Amino acid sequence: MKKIIALLLAAAMMIVAAGCGGGQSASSGSGSGSGSGGKQITMGFSQIGAESEWRTANTESIKQAAKDAGINLQFSDAQQKQENQIKAIRSFIAQGVDIIAFVPIVETGWDTVLKEAKDAKIPVIVVDRDVKLSDDSLYVAKIGTDSVKEGNNVFKWIDEYMAKEKKTPRDGGSQYNVVILEGTVGSSVAIRRQEGFKDAMAKAADAGKYNILASQTGEFTRQKGQEVMESFLKSYGPKIDILFAHNDDMALGAIQAIEKAGLKPGKDITIISIDGVKGMFQAMIDGKANCTVECNPLQGPLLMETAKKILAGEKVEKLVYVDEGVFPADVAAKTLPERKY
């Protein structure tokens, strides 16, 4: 009897050992989307909406990168409302996600909800746009683009182009008149692109050659860009030399308004915008626009890589920018086939 009991105990121990070994093999290592405990990482992500081609590309990049990294992405579309983002972040906290990332619609109003995330020991990554906080420790890292530099690049290109092409003001005066289609009021990207443009203009040796005739929000949408440009044309039609749009979609809407007014976009009015989407490259190929300054939306891989480092306890830079370029019309045809967005 003792021998039988001993054999049964030995068999049971072998079964348990095999079970533990099998489980250990399935979860060993961190895996491509695993945290330090071996479980799959869950990221709560709040996107601002789908206001442009650029934003659609940004969303697709983040979703694909999460899939490639094996990260469980809890995605929320805020539909351009900050209150929706705050609700989403609180929902992520309640779910107990491993990490939160979000694209802030506006700069301010985040202190309370981000403190709630910090108190819950959930790290936060700010994506694409900037936030203005009383305590910068409320987020771990910011990934995105340098909006001030983008604005700088816009003016520098305009200044070189107007001189190279020997352009003269349409109203016969001594200054080039500029109209600006601004992005969403209060958004960091609109504030900083405008700041970068104005700073570069103020510092230019020939700053006196330029006059900002009008500047108004087009809300980063094609339809609103067209509406505001129609208004500009009614008020200042023969005076407008240059259009600077804070994004390509507004510029594409403005092109429709310019054509409707019987003018030639890209010729009568020099057009430059920011983003670098395919639609703007096609407009340049068609001779209807002059330049786009890149704002790279493909931020997903960098976001997932940074999230994994943070959860593994690695030190990351507070501010990480993606690479960007400047694309005038003369390179559009060659560059368009290479564009991913």
C-alpha atoms as a PDB file:
ATOM      1  CA  MET A   1       0.000   0.000   0.000  1.00  0.00           C
ATOM      2  CA  LYS A   2       2.820   2.397   0.887  1.00  0.00           C
ATOM      3  CA  LYS A   3       4.453   1.699  -2.471  1.00  0.00           C
ATOM      4  CA  ILE A   4       1.216   2.494  -4.329  1.00  0.00           C
ATOM      5  CA  ILE A   5       0.808   5.797  -2.429  1.00  0.00           C
ATOM      6  CA  ALA A   6       4.420   6.719  -3.143  1.00  0.00           C
ATOM      7  CA  LEU A   7       3.962   6.007  -6.860  1.00  0.00           C
ATOM      8  CA  LEU A   8       0.776   8.099  -6.988  1.00  0.00           C
ATOM      9  CA  LEU A   9       2.510  11.017  -5.242  1.00  0.00           C
ATOM     10  CA  ALA A  10       5.449  10.824  -7.656  1.00  0.00           C
ATOM     11  CA  ALA A  11       3.096  10.809 -10.658  1.00  0.00           C
ATOM     12  CA  ALA A  12       1.187  13.823  -9.302  1.00  0.00           C
ATOM     13  CA  MET A  13       4.421  15.761  -8.796  1.00  0.00           C
ATOM     14  CA  MET A  14       5.482  15.015 -12.381  1.00  0.00           C
ATOM     15  CA  ILE A  15       2.127  16.323 -13.712  1.00  0.00           C
ATOM     16  CA  VAL A  16       2.431  19.541 -11.670  1.00  0.00           C
ATOM     17  CA  ALA A  17       6.033  20.043 -12.803  1.00  0.00           C
ATOM     18  CA  ALA A  18       5.034  19.532 -16.439  1.00  0.00           C
ATOM     19  CA  GLY A  19       2.173  22.022 -16.041  1.00  0.00           C
ATOM     20  CA  CYS A  20       4.436  24.692 -14.502  1.00  0.00           C
ATOM     21  CA  GLY A  21       7.091  24.129 -17.119  1.00  0.00           C
ATOM     22  CA  GLY A  22       4.557  24.476 -19.946  1.00  0.00           C
ATOM     23  CA  GLY A  23       3.156  27.722 -18.505  1.00  0.00           C
ATOM     24  CA  GLN A  24       6.614  29.160 -17.988  1.00  0.00           C
ATOM     25  CA  SER A  25       7.558  28.428 -21.578  1.00  0.00           C
ATOM     26  CA  ALA A  26       4.448  30.230 -22.903  1.00  0.00           C
ATOM     27  CA  SER A  27       5.117  33.422 -20.940  1.00  0.00           C
ATOM     28  CA  SER A  28       8.898  33.499 -20.689  1.00  0.00           C
ATOM     29  CA  GLY A  29      10.594  36.750 -21.714  1.00  0.00           C
ATOM     30  CA  SER A  30       8.877  40.084 -22.148  1.00  0.00           C
ATOM     31  CA  GLY A  31       7.639  39.380 -25.702  1.00  0.00           C
ATOM     32  CA  SER A  32       7.155  42.093 -28.316  1.00  0.00           C
ATOM     33  CA  GLY A  33       4.151  43.555 -26.505  1.00  0.00           C
ATOM     34  CA  SER A  34       4.761  42.474 -22.945  1.00  0.00           C
ATOM     35  CA  GLY A  35       5.489  44.469 -19.842  1.00  0.00           C
ATOM     36  CA  SER A  36       8.047  43.631 -17.184  1.00  0.00           C
ATOM     37  CA  GLY A  37       5.664  41.058 -15.662  1.00  0.00           C
ATOM     38  CA  GLY A  38       5.341  39.128 -18.914  1.00  0.00           C
ATOM     39  CA  LYS A  39       1.718  40.127 -19.554  1.00  0.00           C
ATOM     40  CA  GLN A  40       0.542  41.926 -22.671  1.00  0.00           C
ATOM     41  CA  ILE A  41       0.783  45.710 -22.474  1.00  0.00           C
ATOM     42  CA  THR A  42      -2.510  47.593 -22.668  1.00  0.00           C
ATOM     43  CA  MET A  43      -2.328  51.193 -23.867  1.00  0.00           C
ATOM     44  CA  GLY A  44      -5.224  53.628 -23.619  1.00  0.00           C
ATOM     45  CA  PHE A  45      -4.998  56.108 -26.494  1.00  0.00           C
ATOM     46  CA  SER A  46      -7.175  59.192 -27.068  1.00  0.00           C
ATOM     47  CA  GLN A  47      -7.069  60.703 -30.573  1.00  0.00           C
ATOM     48  CA  ILE A  48      -8.543  64.148 -31.236  1.00  0.00           C
ATOM     49  CA  GLY A  49     -10.629  63.075 -34.239  1.00  0.00           C
ATOM     50  CA  ALA A  50     -10.288  62.739 -38.009  1.00  0.00           C
ATOM     51  CA  GLU A  51     -10.188  66.330 -39.239  1.00  0.00           C
ATOM     52  CA  SER A  52      -7.675  65.826 -42.056  1.00  0.00           C
ATOM     53  CA  GLU A  53      -5.716  63.397 -44.239  1.00  0.00           C
ATOM     54  CA  TRP A  54      -2.794  63.931 -41.872  1.00  0.00           C
ATOM     55  CA  ARG A  55      -4.795  62.910 -38.800  1.00  0.00           C
ATOM     56  CA  THR A  56      -6.097  59.793 -40.550  1.00  0.00           C
ATOM     57  CA  ALA A  57      -2.507  58.793 -41.366  1.00  0.00           C
ATOM     58  CA  ASN A  58      -1.489  59.483 -37.759  1.00  0.00           C
ATOM     59  CA  THR A  59      -4.273  57.235 -36.438  1.00  0.00           C
ATOM     60  CA  GLU A  60      -3.464  54.431 -38.883  1.00  0.00           C
ATOM     61  CA  SER A  61       0.229  54.599 -37.943  1.00  0.00           C
ATOM     62  CA  ILE A  62      -0.572  54.260 -34.233  1.00  0.00           C
ATOM     63  CA  LYS A  63      -3.047  51.400 -34.717  1.00  0.00           C
ATOM     64  CA  GLN A  64      -0.692  49.470 -37.008  1.00  0.00           C
ATOM     65  CA  ALA A  65       2.324  50.030 -34.762  1.00  0.00           C
ATOM     66  CA  ALA A  66       0.387  48.731 -31.737  1.00  0.00           C
ATOM     67  CA  LYS A  67      -0.591  45.631 -33.692  1.00  0.00           C
ATOM     68  CA  ASP A  68       2.994  45.074 -34.863  1.00  0.00           C
ATOM     69  CA  ALA A  69       4.297  45.502 -31.308  1.00  0.00           C
ATOM     70  CA  GLY A  70       1.717  43.128 -29.812  1.00  0.00           C
ATOM     71  CA  ILE A  71       0.259  45.929 -27.692  1.00  0.00           C
ATOM     72  CA  ASN A  72      -3.443  45.904 -26.825  1.00  0.00           C
ATOM     73  CA  LEU A  73      -4.643  49.366 -27.914  1.00  0.00           C
ATOM     74  CA  GLN A  74      -7.773  50.802 -26.321  1.00  0.00           C
ATOM     75  CA  PHE A  75      -8.575  53.532 -28.865  1.00  0.00           C
ATOM     76  CA  SER A  76     -10.889  56.503 -28.274  1.00  0.00           C
ATOM     77  CA  ASP A  77     -11.922  59.190 -30.793  1.00  0.00           C
ATOM     78  CA  ALA A  78     -12.607  62.510 -29.020  1.00  0.00           C
ATOM     79  CA  GLN A  79     -14.396  64.056 -32.018  1.00  0.00           C
ATOM     80  CA  GLN A  80     -12.616  67.382 -31.419  1.00  0.00           C
ATOM     81  CA  LYS A  81     -13.931  67.786 -27.858  1.00  0.00           C
ATOM     82  CA  GLN A  82     -11.614  68.083 -24.866  1.00  0.00           C
ATOM     83  CA  GLU A  83     -14.318  66.844 -22.492  1.00  0.00           C
ATOM     84  CA  ASN A  84     -14.442  63.588 -24.466  1.00  0.00           C
ATOM     85  CA  GLN A  85     -10.686  63.167 -24.044  1.00  0.00           C
ATOM     86  CA  ILE A  86     -10.870  63.778 -20.311  1.00  0.00           C
ATOM     87  CA  LYS A  87     -13.661  61.172 -20.026  1.00  0.00           C
ATOM     88  CA  ALA A  88     -11.586  58.717 -22.072  1.00  0.00           C
ATOM     89  CA  ILE A  89      -8.499  59.200 -19.889  1.00  0.00           C
ATOM     90  CA  ARG A  90     -10.586  58.665 -16.741  1.00  0.00           C
ATOM     91  CA  SER A  91     -12.026  55.530 -18.316  1.00  0.00           C
ATOM     92  CA  PHE A  92      -8.503  54.253 -19.043  1.00  0.00           C
ATOM     93  CA  ILE A  93      -7.554  54.902 -15.408  1.00  0.00           C
ATOM     94  CA  ALA A  94     -10.626  53.004 -14.185  1.00  0.00           C
ATOM     95  CA  GLN A  95      -9.757  50.082 -16.487  1.00  0.00           C
ATOM     96  CA  GLY A  96      -6.250  49.971 -15.029  1.00  0.00           C
ATOM     97  CA  VAL A  97      -4.400  50.191 -18.358  1.00  0.00           C
ATOM     98  CA  ASP A  98      -0.607  49.972 -18.241  1.00  0.00           C
ATOM     99  CA  ILE A  99       0.060  53.279 -20.001  1.00  0.00           C
ATOM    100  CA  ILE A 100      -1.917  56.207 -21.430  1.00  0.00           C
ATOM    101  CA  ALA A 101      -1.125  58.240 -24.555  1.00  0.00           C
ATOM    102  CA  PHE A 102      -3.126  61.079 -26.030  1.00  0.00           C
ATOM    103  CA  VAL A 103      -3.065  63.874 -28.599  1.00  0.00           C
ATOM    104  CA  PRO A 104      -4.237  66.982 -26.703  1.00  0.00           C
ATOM    105  CA  ILE A 105      -6.836  69.019 -28.587  1.00  0.00           C
ATOM    106  CA  VAL A 106      -5.788  72.185 -26.730  1.00  0.00           C
ATOM    107  CA  GLU A 107      -2.789  73.038 -24.544  1.00  0.00           C
ATOM    108  CA  THR A 108      -4.461  73.714 -21.206  1.00  0.00           C
ATOM    109  CA  GLY A 109      -6.931  72.053 -18.842  1.00  0.00           C
ATOM    110  CA  TRP A 110      -5.118  68.745 -18.309  1.00  0.00           C
ATOM    111  CA  ASP A 111      -3.619  69.107 -14.809  1.00  0.00           C
ATOM    112  CA  THR A 112      -6.436  67.451 -12.845  1.00  0.00           C
ATOM    113  CA  VAL A 113      -6.949  64.365 -14.998  1.00  0.00           C
ATOM    114  CA  LEU A 114      -3.220  63.767 -15.491  1.00  0.00           C
ATOM    115  CA  LYS A 115      -2.696  63.995 -11.729  1.00  0.00           C
ATOM    116  CA  GLU A 116      -5.346  61.288 -11.402  1.00  0.00           C
ATOM    117  CA  ALA A 117      -3.315  59.120 -13.781  1.00  0.00           C
ATOM    118  CA  LYS A 118      -0.123  59.806 -11.842  1.00  0.00           C
ATOM    119  CA  ASP A 119      -1.830  58.943  -8.534  1.00  0.00           C
ATOM    120  CA  ALA A 120      -2.926  55.664 -10.139  1.00  0.00           C
ATOM    121  CA  LYS A 121       0.735  55.076 -11.121  1.00  0.00           C
ATOM    122  CA  ILE A 122      -0.119  55.004 -14.826  1.00  0.00           C
ATOM    123  CA  PRO A 123       2.546  56.741 -16.957  1.00  0.00           C
ATOM    124  CA  VAL A 124       1.362  59.191 -19.623  1.00  0.00           C
ATOM    125  CA  ILE A 125       2.838  59.995 -23.042  1.00  0.00           C
ATOM    126  CA  VAL A 126       1.801  63.183 -24.862  1.00  0.00           C
ATOM    127  CA  VAL A 127       1.666  62.676 -28.635  1.00  0.00           C
ATOM    128  CA  ASP A 128       1.958  65.158 -31.517  1.00  0.00           C
ATOM    129  CA  ARG A 129       0.764  68.332 -29.763  1.00  0.00           C
ATOM    130  CA  ASP A 130       1.960  70.050 -26.585  1.00  0.00           C
ATOM    131  CA  VAL A 131       0.406  70.612 -23.174  1.00  0.00           C
ATOM    132  CA  LYS A 132       0.868  73.457 -20.719  1.00  0.00           C
ATOM    133  CA  LEU A 133       0.938  72.125 -17.143  1.00  0.00           C
ATOM    134  CA  SER A 134       1.796  73.428 -13.683  1.00  0.00           C
ATOM    135  CA  ASP A 135       3.787  70.214 -13.146  1.00  0.00           C
ATOM    136  CA  ASP A 136       5.658  68.612 -16.062  1.00  0.00           C
ATOM    137  CA  SER A 137       6.116  65.395 -14.077  1.00  0.00           C
ATOM    138  CA  LEU A 138       2.475  64.594 -14.894  1.00  0.00           C
ATOM    139  CA  TYR A 139       3.689  63.113 -18.191  1.00  0.00           C
ATOM    140  CA  VAL A 140       6.771  61.013 -18.869  1.00  0.00           C
ATOM    141  CA  ALA A 141       7.513  61.907 -22.491  1.00  0.00           C
ATOM    142  CA  LYS A 142       6.249  63.890 -25.449  1.00  0.00           C
ATOM    143  CA  ILE A 143       6.543  62.452 -28.958  1.00  0.00           C
ATOM    144  CA  GLY A 144       5.836  64.506 -32.029  1.00  0.00           C
ATOM    145  CA  THR A 145       6.904  67.341 -34.238  1.00  0.00           C
ATOM    146  CA  ASP A 146       8.610  70.711 -33.792  1.00  0.00           C
ATOM    147  CA  SER A 147       5.794  73.121 -34.672  1.00  0.00           C
ATOM    148  CA  VAL A 148       7.923  76.242 -34.133  1.00  0.00           C
ATOM    149  CA  LYS A 149      10.531  74.946 -36.559  1.00  0.00           C
ATOM    150  CA  GLU A 150       7.784  74.166 -39.085  1.00  0.00           C
ATOM    151  CA  GLY A 151       6.604  77.786 -38.908  1.00  0.00           C
ATOM    152  CA  ASN A 152      10.205  78.979 -39.271  1.00  0.00           C
ATOM    153  CA  ASN A 153      10.659  76.808 -42.346  1.00  0.00           C
ATOM    154  CA  VAL A 154       7.512  78.216 -43.952  1.00  0.00           C
ATOM    155  CA  PHE A 155       8.722  81.809 -43.789  1.00  0.00           C
ATOM    156  CA  LYS A 156      12.291  80.968 -44.816  1.00  0.00           C
ATOM    157  CA  TRP A 157      11.021  79.169 -47.900  1.00  0.00           C
ATOM    158  CA  ILE A 158       8.659  82.041 -48.797  1.00  0.00           C
ATOM    159  CA  ASP A 159      11.430  84.627 -48.428  1.00  0.00           C
ATOM    160  CA  GLU A 160      13.813  82.691 -50.682  1.00  0.00           C
ATOM    161  CA  TYR A 161      11.100  81.884 -53.231  1.00  0.00           C
ATOM    162  CA  MET A 162       9.762  85.450 -53.618  1.00  0.00           C
ATOM    163  CA  ALA A 163      13.308  86.734 -54.199  1.00  0.00           C
ATOM    164  CA  LYS A 164      14.286  83.924 -56.581  1.00  0.00           C
ATOM    165  CA  GLU A 165      11.126  84.280 -58.678  1.00  0.00           C
ATOM    166  CA  LYS A 166      11.405  88.104 -58.603  1.00  0.00           C
ATOM    167  CA  LYS A 167       7.784  88.331 -57.502  1.00  0.00           C
ATOM    168  CA  THR A 168       6.196  91.776 -57.223  1.00  0.00           C
ATOM    169  CA  PRO A 169       3.234  92.704 -54.988  1.00  0.00           C
ATOM    170  CA  ARG A 170      -0.083  92.347 -56.843  1.00  0.00           C
ATOM    171  CA  ASP A 171      -1.380  95.718 -55.613  1.00  0.00           C
ATOM    172  CA  GLY A 172       1.694  97.531 -56.936  1.00  0.00           C
ATOM    173  CA  GLY A 173       2.892  98.415 -53.428  1.00  0.00           C
ATOM    174  CA  SER A 174       6.194  97.764 -51.683  1.00  0.00           C
ATOM    175  CA  GLN A 175       5.074  94.850 -49.464  1.00  0.00           C
ATOM    176  CA  TYR A 176       3.958  91.277 -50.020  1.00  0.00           C
ATOM    177  CA  ASN A 177       0.584  90.824 -48.347  1.00  0.00           C
ATOM    178  CA  VAL A 178       0.129  87.544 -46.483  1.00  0.00           C
ATOM    179  CA  VAL A 179      -3.107  85.878 -45.345  1.00  0.00           C
ATOM    180  CA  ILE A 180      -2.961  83.033 -42.841  1.00  0.00           C
ATOM    181  CA  LEU A 181      -5.357  80.169 -42.256  1.00  0.00           C
ATOM    182  CA  GLU A 182      -4.743  79.193 -38.634  1.00  0.00           C
ATOM    183  CA  GLY A 183      -5.460  75.824 -37.033  1.00  0.00           C
ATOM    184  CA  THR A 184      -7.766  75.077 -34.092  1.00  0.00           C
ATOM    185  CA  VAL A 185      -7.884  77.973 -31.623  1.00  0.00           C
ATOM    186  CA  GLY A 186      -5.938  77.101 -28.471  1.00  0.00           C
ATOM    187  CA  SER A 187      -4.150  74.092 -29.978  1.00  0.00           C
ATOM    188  CA  SER A 188      -0.412  74.028 -29.378  1.00  0.00           C
ATOM    189  CA  VAL A 189       0.337  73.266 -33.006  1.00  0.00           C
ATOM    190  CA  ALA A 190      -1.554  76.354 -34.238  1.00  0.00           C
ATOM    191  CA  ILE A 191       0.027  78.574 -31.590  1.00  0.00           C
ATOM    192  CA  ARG A 192       3.565  77.383 -32.297  1.00  0.00           C
ATOM    193  CA  ARG A 193       3.347  77.335 -36.097  1.00  0.00           C
ATOM    194  CA  GLN A 194       2.152  80.920 -35.987  1.00  0.00           C
ATOM    195  CA  GLU A 195       4.858  81.820 -33.484  1.00  0.00           C
ATOM    196  CA  GLY A 196       7.573  80.189 -35.603  1.00  0.00           C
ATOM    197  CA  PHE A 197       6.396  81.982 -38.758  1.00  0.00           C
ATOM    198  CA  LYS A 198       6.203  85.403 -37.101  1.00  0.00           C
ATOM    199  CA  ASP A 199       9.554  84.996 -35.327  1.00  0.00           C
ATOM    200  CA  ALA A 200      11.320  84.088 -38.573  1.00  0.00           C
ATOM    201  CA  MET A 201       9.679  87.033 -40.344  1.00  0.00           C
ATOM    202  CA  ALA A 202      10.651  89.479 -37.573  1.00  0.00           C
ATOM    203  CA  LYS A 203      14.280  88.325 -37.682  1.00  0.00           C
ATOM    204  CA  ALA A 204      14.583  88.425 -41.489  1.00  0.00           C
ATOM    205  CA  ALA A 205      16.824  91.066 -43.050  1.00  0.00           C
ATOM    206  CA  ASP A 206      13.932  92.090 -45.318  1.00  0.00           C
ATOM    207  CA  ALA A 207      11.146  91.794 -42.731  1.00  0.00           C
ATOM    208  CA  GLY A 208       9.729  95.116 -43.938  1.00  0.00           C
ATOM    209  CA  LYS A 209       8.775  93.523 -47.258  1.00  0.00           C
ATOM    210  CA  TYR A 210       6.046  91.453 -45.618  1.00  0.00           C
ATOM    211  CA  ASN A 211       2.686  92.413 -44.171  1.00  0.00           C
ATOM    212  CA  ILE A 212       0.221  90.030 -42.528  1.00  0.00           C
ATOM    213  CA  LEU A 213      -3.044  91.261 -43.980  1.00  0.00           C
ATOM    214  CA  ALA A 214      -5.386  88.851 -42.198  1.00  0.00           C
ATOM    215  CA  SER A 215      -5.156  85.766 -39.997  1.00  0.00           C
ATOM    216  CA  GLN A 216      -8.122  83.605 -39.010  1.00  0.00           C
ATOM    217  CA  THR A 217      -8.817  80.042 -37.942  1.00  0.00           C
ATOM    218  CA  GLY A 218      -9.884  77.517 -40.553  1.00  0.00           C
ATOM    219  CA  GLU A 219     -10.108  74.851 -37.826  1.00  0.00           C
ATOM    220  CA  PHE A 220      -7.726  72.536 -39.702  1.00  0.00           C
ATOM    221  CA  THR A 221     -10.539  71.430 -42.060  1.00  0.00           C
ATOM    222  CA  ARG A 222     -10.832  71.706 -45.834  1.00  0.00           C
ATOM    223  CA  GLN A 223     -14.379  73.075 -45.750  1.00  0.00           C
ATOM    224  CA  LYS A 224     -13.581  75.805 -43.228  1.00  0.00           C
ATOM    225  CA  GLY A 225     -10.380  76.643 -45.095  1.00  0.00           C
ATOM    226  CA  GLN A 226     -12.440  77.236 -48.234  1.00  0.00           C
ATOM    227  CA  GLU A 227     -14.993  79.364 -46.359  1.00  0.00           C
ATOM    228  CA  VAL A 228     -12.394  81.595 -44.707  1.00  0.00           C
ATOM    229  CA  MET A 229     -10.418  81.997 -47.932  1.00  0.00           C
ATOM    230  CA  GLU A 230     -13.614  83.098 -49.686  1.00  0.00           C
ATOM    231  CA  SER A 231     -13.988  85.741 -46.983  1.00  0.00           C
ATOM    232  CA  PHE A 232     -10.363  86.859 -47.396  1.00  0.00           C
ATOM    233  CA  LEU A 233     -10.837  87.180 -51.154  1.00  0.00           C
ATOM    234  CA  LYS A 234     -13.981  89.274 -50.772  1.00  0.00           C
ATOM    235  CA  SER A 235     -12.212  91.652 -48.389  1.00  0.00           C
ATOM    236  CA  TYR A 236      -8.707  91.781 -49.841  1.00  0.00           C
ATOM    237  CA  GLY A 237      -8.847  90.032 -53.252  1.00  0.00           C
ATOM    238  CA  PRO A 238      -6.378  92.081 -55.367  1.00  0.00           C
ATOM    239  CA  LYS A 239      -3.999  92.593 -52.446  1.00  0.00           C
ATOM    240  CA  ILE A 240      -3.275  88.967 -51.487  1.00  0.00           C
ATOM    241  CA  ASP A 241       0.166  87.729 -52.581  1.00  0.00           C
ATOM    242  CA  ILE A 242       0.776  84.788 -50.249  1.00  0.00           C
ATOM    243  CA  LEU A 243      -1.356  82.241 -48.447  1.00  0.00           C
ATOM    244  CA  PHE A 244       0.129  80.385 -45.490  1.00  0.00           C
ATOM    245  CA  ALA A 245      -2.155  77.595 -44.229  1.00  0.00           C
ATOM    246  CA  HIS A 246      -1.360  75.839 -40.963  1.00  0.00           C
ATOM    247  CA  ASN A 247      -2.212  72.540 -42.633  1.00  0.00           C
ATOM    248  CA  ASP A 248      -2.582  71.103 -46.139  1.00  0.00           C
ATOM    249  CA  ASP A 249      -6.316  70.412 -45.880  1.00  0.00           C
ATOM    250  CA  MET A 250      -7.100  74.088 -45.313  1.00  0.00           C
ATOM    251  CA  ALA A 251      -4.812  74.979 -48.231  1.00  0.00           C
ATOM    252  CA  LEU A 252      -6.652  72.515 -50.486  1.00  0.00           C
ATOM    253  CA  GLY A 253      -9.953  74.107 -49.492  1.00  0.00           C
ATOM    254  CA  ALA A 254      -8.503  77.571 -50.141  1.00  0.00           C
ATOM    255  CA  ILE A 255      -7.398  76.495 -53.625  1.00  0.00           C
ATOM    256  CA  GLN A 256     -11.039  75.813 -54.470  1.00  0.00           C
ATOM    257  CA  ALA A 257     -12.010  79.291 -53.251  1.00  0.00           C
ATOM    258  CA  ILE A 258      -9.220  80.935 -55.262  1.00  0.00           C
ATOM    259  CA  GLU A 259     -10.258  79.141 -58.448  1.00  0.00           C
ATOM    260  CA  LYS A 260     -13.892  80.026 -57.821  1.00  0.00           C
ATOM    261  CA  ALA A 261     -12.819  83.686 -57.643  1.00  0.00           C
ATOM    262  CA  GLY A 262     -11.275  83.397 -61.116  1.00  0.00           C
ATOM    263  CA  LEU A 263      -7.658  83.468 -59.924  1.00  0.00           C
ATOM    264  CA  LYS A 264      -4.843  80.972 -60.456  1.00  0.00           C
ATOM    265  CA  PRO A 265      -3.691  79.336 -57.194  1.00  0.00           C
ATOM    266  CA  GLY A 266       0.066  78.875 -57.103  1.00  0.00           C
ATOM    267  CA  LYS A 267       0.552  81.691 -59.637  1.00  0.00           C
ATOM    268  CA  ASP A 268      -1.558  84.697 -58.695  1.00  0.00           C
ATOM    269  CA  ILE A 269      -1.290  83.706 -55.045  1.00  0.00           C
ATOM    270  CA  THR A 270       1.735  81.801 -53.728  1.00  0.00           C
ATOM    271  CA  ILE A 271       0.517  78.926 -51.539  1.00  0.00           C
ATOM    272  CA  ILE A 272       2.457  77.132 -48.822  1.00  0.00           C
ATOM    273  CA  SER A 273       1.149  74.920 -46.042  1.00  0.00           C
ATOM    274  CA  ILE A 274       2.257  72.343 -43.504  1.00  0.00           C
ATOM    275  CA  ASP A 275       1.781  68.550 -43.312  1.00  0.00           C
ATOM    276  CA  GLY A 276       3.042  66.951 -46.533  1.00  0.00           C
ATOM    277  CA  VAL A 277       0.009  64.834 -47.438  1.00  0.00           C
ATOM    278  CA  LYS A 278      -0.437  63.278 -50.879  1.00  0.00           C
ATOM    279  CA  GLY A 279      -3.259  65.657 -51.792  1.00  0.00           C
ATOM    280  CA  MET A 280      -0.937  68.637 -51.450  1.00  0.00           C
ATOM    281  CA  PHE A 281       1.750  66.949 -53.550  1.00  0.00           C
ATOM    282  CA  GLN A 282      -0.839  66.395 -56.280  1.00  0.00           C
ATOM    283  CA  ALA A 283      -1.886  70.057 -56.077  1.00  0.00           C
ATOM    284  CA  MET A 284       1.757  71.060 -56.573  1.00  0.00           C
ATOM    285  CA  ILE A 285       2.074  68.705 -59.557  1.00  0.00           C
ATOM    286  CA  ASP A 286      -1.070  70.340 -60.993  1.00  0.00           C
ATOM    287  CA  GLY A 287       0.546  73.774 -60.577  1.00  0.00           C
ATOM    288  CA  LYS A 288      -1.956  74.901 -57.931  1.00  0.00           C
ATOM    289  CA  ALA A 289       0.359  75.101 -54.908  1.00  0.00           C
ATOM    290  CA  ASN A 290       3.999  75.923 -54.306  1.00  0.00           C
ATOM    291  CA  CYS A 291       5.346  74.153 -51.227  1.00  0.00           C
ATOM    292  CA  THR A 292       4.496  71.969 -48.252  1.00  0.00           C
ATOM    293  CA  VAL A 293       6.538  71.741 -45.055  1.00  0.00           C
ATOM    294  CA  GLU A 294       6.426  68.230 -43.674  1.00  0.00           C
ATOM    295  CA  CYS A 295       4.816  67.361 -40.372  1.00  0.00           C
ATOM    296  CA  ASN A 296       5.385  63.631 -40.081  1.00  0.00           C
ATOM    297  CA  PRO A 297       2.278  61.755 -38.843  1.00  0.00           C
ATOM    298  CA  LEU A 298       3.957  58.331 -38.767  1.00  0.00           C
ATOM    299  CA  GLN A 299       4.569  58.463 -35.033  1.00  0.00           C
ATOM    300  CA  GLY A 300       3.204  55.040 -34.095  1.00  0.00           C
ATOM    301  CA  PRO A 301       6.435  52.984 -34.062  1.00  0.00           C
ATOM    302  CA  LEU A 302       8.236  55.589 -31.931  1.00  0.00           C
ATOM    303  CA  LEU A 303       5.265  55.742 -29.537  1.00  0.00           C
ATOM    304  CA  MET A 304       5.176  51.971 -29.024  1.00  0.00           C
ATOM    305  CA  GLU A 305       8.944  51.753 -28.628  1.00  0.00           C
ATOM    306  CA  THR A 306       8.883  54.544 -26.033  1.00  0.00           C
ATOM    307  CA  ALA A 307       5.958  52.963 -24.164  1.00  0.00           C
ATOM    308  CA  LYS A 308       7.818  49.658 -23.860  1.00  0.00           C
ATOM    309  CA  LYS A 309      10.950  51.390 -22.559  1.00  0.00           C
ATOM    310  CA  ILE A 310       8.972  53.311 -19.936  1.00  0.00           C
ATOM    311  CA  LEU A 311       7.217  50.164 -18.692  1.00  0.00           C
ATOM    312  CA  ALA A 312      10.544  48.313 -18.589  1.00  0.00           C
ATOM    313  CA  GLY A 313      11.894  51.021 -16.290  1.00  0.00           C
ATOM    314  CA  GLU A 314      14.278  52.472 -18.879  1.00  0.00           C
ATOM    315  CA  LYS A 315      15.065  56.192 -18.984  1.00  0.00           C
ATOM    316  CA  VAL A 316      13.597  58.033 -21.989  1.00  0.00           C
ATOM    317  CA  GLU A 317      14.046  61.561 -23.295  1.00  0.00           C
ATOM    318  CA  LYS A 318      11.332  64.002 -22.216  1.00  0.00           C
ATOM    319  CA  LEU A 319      10.973  65.342 -25.762  1.00  0.00           C
ATOM    320  CA  VAL A 320      11.412  63.249 -28.915  1.00  0.00           C
ATOM    321  CA  TYR A 321      10.897  64.687 -32.425  1.00  0.00           C
ATOM    322  CA  VAL A 322      10.356  62.731 -35.636  1.00  0.00           C
ATOM    323  CA  ASP A 323      12.285  63.621 -38.817  1.00  0.00           C
ATOM    324  CA  GLU A 324      10.735  66.138 -41.244  1.00  0.00           C
ATOM    325  CA  GLY A 325      11.560  67.917 -44.504  1.00  0.00           C
ATOM    326  CA  VAL A 326      10.528  70.758 -46.861  1.00  0.00           C
ATOM    327  CA  PHE A 327       9.051  69.896 -50.276  1.00  0.00           C
ATOM    328  CA  PRO A 328       8.657  72.586 -52.969  1.00  0.00           C
ATOM    329  CA  ALA A 329       6.653  72.034 -56.162  1.00  0.00           C
ATOM    330  CA  ASP A 330       9.698  71.172 -58.278  1.00  0.00           C
ATOM    331  CA  VAL A 331      10.243  67.907 -56.358  1.00  0.00           C
ATOM    332  CA  ALA A 332       6.565  66.937 -56.006  1.00  0.00           C
ATOM    333  CA  ALA A 333       6.289  64.599 -59.015  1.00  0.00           C
ATOM    334  CA  LYS A 334       9.431  62.703 -58.029  1.00  0.00           C
ATOM    335  CA  THR A 335       8.503  62.521 -54.348  1.00  0.00           C
ATOM    336  CA  LEU A 336       4.782  61.644 -54.516  1.00  0.00           C
ATOM    337  CA  PRO A 337       5.272  57.913 -55.316  1.00  0.00           C
ATOM    338  CA  GLU A 338       7.442  57.620 -52.182  1.00  0.00           C
ATOM    339  CA  ARG A 339       4.888  59.202 -49.842  1.00  0.00           C
ATOM    340  CA  LYS A 340       3.223  56.946 -47.286  1.00  0.00           C
ATOM    341  CA  TYR A 341       0.479  59.405 -46.372  1.00  0.00           C
END
